Protein backbone atom coordinates (compact mmCIF):
# COMPACT_ATOMS: atom_id res chain seq x y z
CA MET A 1 88.45 71.80 109.19
CA SER A 2 90.39 69.07 111.01
CA SER A 3 93.78 69.69 112.55
CA ALA A 4 95.42 67.31 110.03
CA ALA A 5 93.94 69.20 107.10
CA ALA A 6 94.98 72.48 108.65
CA ARG A 7 98.57 71.26 108.98
CA LEU A 8 98.58 70.17 105.33
CA LEU A 9 97.20 73.46 104.09
CA ALA A 10 99.36 75.69 106.30
CA PRO A 11 102.51 75.56 104.09
CA ARG A 12 100.51 76.32 100.95
CA LEU A 13 98.74 79.23 102.62
CA ALA A 14 102.07 80.60 103.82
CA GLN A 15 103.51 80.41 100.30
CA TRP A 16 100.41 82.11 98.88
CA ARG A 17 100.67 84.94 101.40
CA LEU A 18 104.33 85.48 100.56
CA ALA A 19 103.54 85.54 96.84
CA CYS A 20 100.70 88.05 97.27
CA THR A 21 102.89 91.02 98.10
CA GLY A 22 101.46 94.50 98.48
CA ALA A 23 102.90 95.56 95.13
CA ARG A 24 101.32 92.62 93.33
CA GLN A 25 97.97 93.24 94.98
CA GLY A 26 98.19 96.91 94.02
CA ALA A 27 98.94 95.97 90.41
CA ALA A 28 95.96 93.60 90.42
CA GLY A 29 93.77 96.39 91.80
CA ALA A 30 94.92 98.81 89.09
CA LEU A 31 94.24 96.18 86.42
CA LEU A 32 90.77 95.57 87.83
CA LEU A 33 90.08 99.32 87.87
CA ALA A 34 91.08 99.59 84.21
CA LEU A 35 88.87 96.62 83.33
CA LEU A 36 85.84 97.99 85.17
CA ALA A 37 86.27 101.39 83.52
CA LEU A 38 85.96 99.91 80.02
CA PRO A 39 82.70 100.97 78.34
CA PHE A 40 81.61 97.42 77.50
CA MET A 41 82.15 96.28 81.10
CA ARG A 42 80.15 99.20 82.45
CA ALA A 43 77.38 98.51 79.95
CA LEU A 44 77.34 94.82 80.87
CA LEU A 45 77.24 95.35 84.63
CA GLU A 46 74.83 98.30 84.56
CA SER A 47 72.36 96.76 82.11
CA SER A 48 70.72 94.91 85.00
CA MET A 49 69.79 96.34 88.39
CA TRP A 50 71.01 93.30 90.32
CA ARG A 51 74.33 93.19 88.43
CA HIS A 52 74.73 96.92 89.01
CA MET A 53 74.52 96.57 92.80
CA VAL A 54 75.49 92.94 93.52
CA LEU A 55 78.38 92.62 91.06
CA GLN A 56 79.66 96.07 90.10
CA PHE A 57 79.63 97.54 93.61
CA PRO A 58 81.72 94.72 95.17
CA LEU A 59 84.14 94.68 92.23
CA TRP A 60 84.90 98.39 92.61
CA MET A 61 85.35 97.85 96.35
CA LEU A 62 87.63 94.88 95.68
CA ALA A 63 89.80 97.08 93.46
CA GLY A 64 90.06 99.61 96.26
CA ALA A 65 90.95 96.91 98.78
CA LEU A 66 93.72 95.60 96.52
CA LEU A 67 95.11 99.10 95.97
CA ALA A 68 95.15 99.67 99.74
CA ALA A 69 97.56 96.76 100.11
CA ALA A 70 100.16 98.71 98.13
CA LEU A 71 100.15 101.71 100.47
CA PRO A 72 103.58 102.37 102.03
CA PRO A 73 103.95 101.87 105.80
CA ARG A 74 104.17 105.62 106.43
CA ALA A 75 100.81 106.22 104.73
CA ARG A 76 99.24 103.34 106.63
CA ALA A 77 100.51 104.75 109.92
CA ALA A 78 99.15 108.21 109.10
CA LEU A 79 95.73 106.77 108.26
CA ALA A 80 95.73 104.60 111.38
CA ARG A 81 96.11 107.67 113.59
CA CYS A 82 92.71 108.97 112.47
CA ASN A 83 91.11 105.53 112.26
CA ALA A 84 91.38 104.19 115.80
CA HIS A 85 89.94 100.67 116.06
CA GLY A 86 88.79 101.00 112.45
CA ILE A 87 85.78 103.05 113.51
CA SER A 88 86.20 105.98 111.11
CA GLY A 89 86.79 103.70 108.14
CA LEU A 90 83.83 101.43 108.83
CA VAL A 91 81.51 104.40 109.42
CA GLY A 92 82.57 105.76 106.05
CA VAL A 93 81.88 102.41 104.39
CA ALA A 94 78.42 102.24 105.97
CA VAL A 95 77.59 105.77 104.79
CA VAL A 96 78.72 105.03 101.22
CA LEU A 97 76.66 101.85 101.03
CA ALA A 98 73.61 103.53 102.53
CA VAL A 99 73.72 106.37 99.98
CA LEU A 100 74.34 104.11 96.98
CA MET A 101 71.39 101.86 97.84
CA VAL A 102 68.99 104.75 97.20
CA PRO A 103 67.26 104.08 93.84
CA ARG A 104 67.49 107.75 92.87
CA VAL A 105 71.29 107.52 93.10
CA LEU A 106 71.37 104.56 90.70
CA ASP A 107 69.26 106.49 88.21
CA LEU A 108 71.49 109.54 88.54
CA ALA A 109 74.66 107.48 88.05
CA LEU A 110 73.28 106.08 84.79
CA ARG A 111 72.39 109.53 83.42
CA SER A 112 75.27 111.67 84.65
CA PRO A 113 78.95 110.87 83.95
CA ALA A 114 79.95 113.00 86.94
CA ALA A 115 77.64 111.04 89.26
CA GLU A 116 78.96 107.79 87.82
CA ALA A 117 82.55 108.88 88.48
CA LEU A 118 81.68 109.90 92.06
CA LYS A 119 79.93 106.57 92.63
CA CYS A 120 82.97 104.60 91.44
CA LEU A 121 85.40 106.75 93.45
CA ALA A 122 83.28 106.33 96.59
CA LEU A 123 83.23 102.55 96.16
CA VAL A 124 87.00 102.38 95.63
CA LEU A 125 87.60 104.44 98.76
CA ALA A 126 85.09 102.33 100.69
CA GLY A 127 86.91 99.15 99.66
CA ALA A 128 90.23 100.60 100.75
CA ALA A 129 88.74 101.76 104.06
CA LEU A 130 87.25 98.32 104.67
CA ARG A 131 90.61 96.68 104.02
CA LEU A 132 92.46 99.05 106.37
CA SER A 133 89.82 98.98 109.12
CA TRP A 134 88.50 95.42 109.38
CA HIS A 135 91.26 93.75 111.41
CA ALA A 136 91.88 96.84 113.50
CA ALA A 137 88.20 96.93 114.43
CA GLY A 138 88.06 93.66 116.35
CA ARG A 139 84.97 91.53 116.77
CA VAL A 140 82.95 94.07 118.78
CA VAL A 141 83.26 96.90 116.25
CA GLN A 142 82.90 94.44 113.37
CA GLY A 143 79.66 93.19 114.90
CA PHE A 144 78.39 96.73 115.38
CA PHE A 145 79.21 97.55 111.74
CA LEU A 146 77.55 94.42 110.37
CA GLY A 147 74.64 94.88 112.78
CA ASN A 148 73.87 98.16 111.02
CA VAL A 149 74.76 97.39 107.40
CA LEU A 150 73.21 93.92 107.09
CA PRO A 151 69.75 94.78 108.48
CA MET A 152 69.76 97.88 106.28
CA SER A 153 70.54 95.73 103.24
CA PHE A 154 67.84 93.24 104.18
CA VAL A 155 65.21 95.96 104.65
CA VAL A 156 66.13 97.60 101.34
CA GLY A 157 65.90 94.20 99.65
CA GLN A 158 62.48 93.60 101.18
CA LEU A 159 61.37 97.03 99.96
CA TYR A 160 62.49 96.21 96.44
CA VAL A 161 60.59 92.91 96.52
CA ASP A 162 57.35 94.23 98.03
CA SER A 163 57.06 97.53 96.19
CA PRO A 164 54.39 97.42 93.44
CA LEU A 165 56.07 100.41 91.74
CA ARG A 166 59.38 100.76 89.96
CA LEU A 167 61.66 102.55 92.40
CA CYS A 168 64.42 102.93 89.82
CA ASN A 169 63.23 104.32 86.48
CA ALA A 170 66.09 102.77 84.54
CA TYR A 171 65.17 99.17 85.40
CA LEU A 172 62.11 96.96 85.10
CA LEU A 173 60.05 95.74 88.04
CA ASP A 174 61.14 92.09 87.77
CA ASP A 175 64.79 93.17 87.82
CA GLN A 176 64.05 95.22 90.95
CA GLU A 177 62.49 92.18 92.63
CA ARG A 178 65.49 90.04 91.66
CA LEU A 179 67.85 92.56 93.25
CA GLY A 180 65.75 92.56 96.43
CA ARG A 181 66.04 88.78 96.76
CA TRP A 182 69.79 88.98 96.17
CA LEU A 183 70.23 91.64 98.84
CA MET A 184 68.25 89.65 101.43
CA ALA A 185 70.13 86.42 100.64
CA LEU A 186 73.54 88.11 100.75
CA ALA A 187 72.76 89.87 104.04
CA ALA A 188 71.74 86.55 105.62
CA ALA A 189 74.77 84.72 104.17
CA VAL A 190 77.26 87.32 105.42
CA ALA A 191 75.68 87.29 108.89
CA VAL A 192 75.87 83.49 109.12
CA ALA A 193 79.44 83.45 107.81
CA TRP A 194 80.66 86.07 110.29
CA VAL A 195 78.94 84.47 113.30
CA SER A 196 80.25 81.04 112.28
CA ARG A 197 83.77 82.44 111.96
CA VAL A 198 83.58 84.02 115.43
CA PHE A 199 82.37 80.80 117.04
CA TRP A 200 85.02 78.78 115.19
CA VAL A 201 87.82 81.05 116.44
CA LEU A 202 86.50 80.95 120.00
CA ALA A 203 86.10 77.17 119.89
CA ARG A 204 89.71 76.74 118.77
CA ARG A 205 91.05 78.99 121.52
CA GLU A 206 89.09 77.59 124.47
CA PRO A 207 90.72 74.13 124.70
CA TYR A 208 94.17 75.67 124.92
CA GLY A 209 93.22 78.42 127.38
CA ALA A 210 94.30 81.14 124.95
CA PRO A 211 93.10 84.68 125.69
């Protein structure tokens, strides 16, 4: 983005940030939670293996991230004391994603309402933890987090593509292969986006001698 375009967009971005208050984001998160909990939405997103993991998982996490914006300052400060540099939060996110990528867990969530509720709760908490931990983590911890989660996602995707057997009994083999390709593509896209963002920030700072 050129400097002229950045100057033109800066006022609009500032207005958008002022409009997106914590209370409004929290209300949007609650609305998204209610929408995702509707039976027809669950049936739609869980009818396909790739929609179950590539669409439903991020939407539940997005709801949690929006709800985290509505936390009062005192609650944020209390959480920050046990989440130095965002490490605890990002470790929790990595653990949740690792567990929910297991095919057996997807099968269990489809058969058991209790497992489904635990899955959704874990994703909401993971989204909130990601929101509260990402900026506090800094580039080094962010890179360590992505360096573990993205290769894991890519390997799981490759396993789904290469396996001649259905790893998840609730879904067909072609749906499993489609999910594998999605996971590999998303892992590569996130890695490229994060590295590009880091280089862009560093390139902007260097000419001005900023730390």
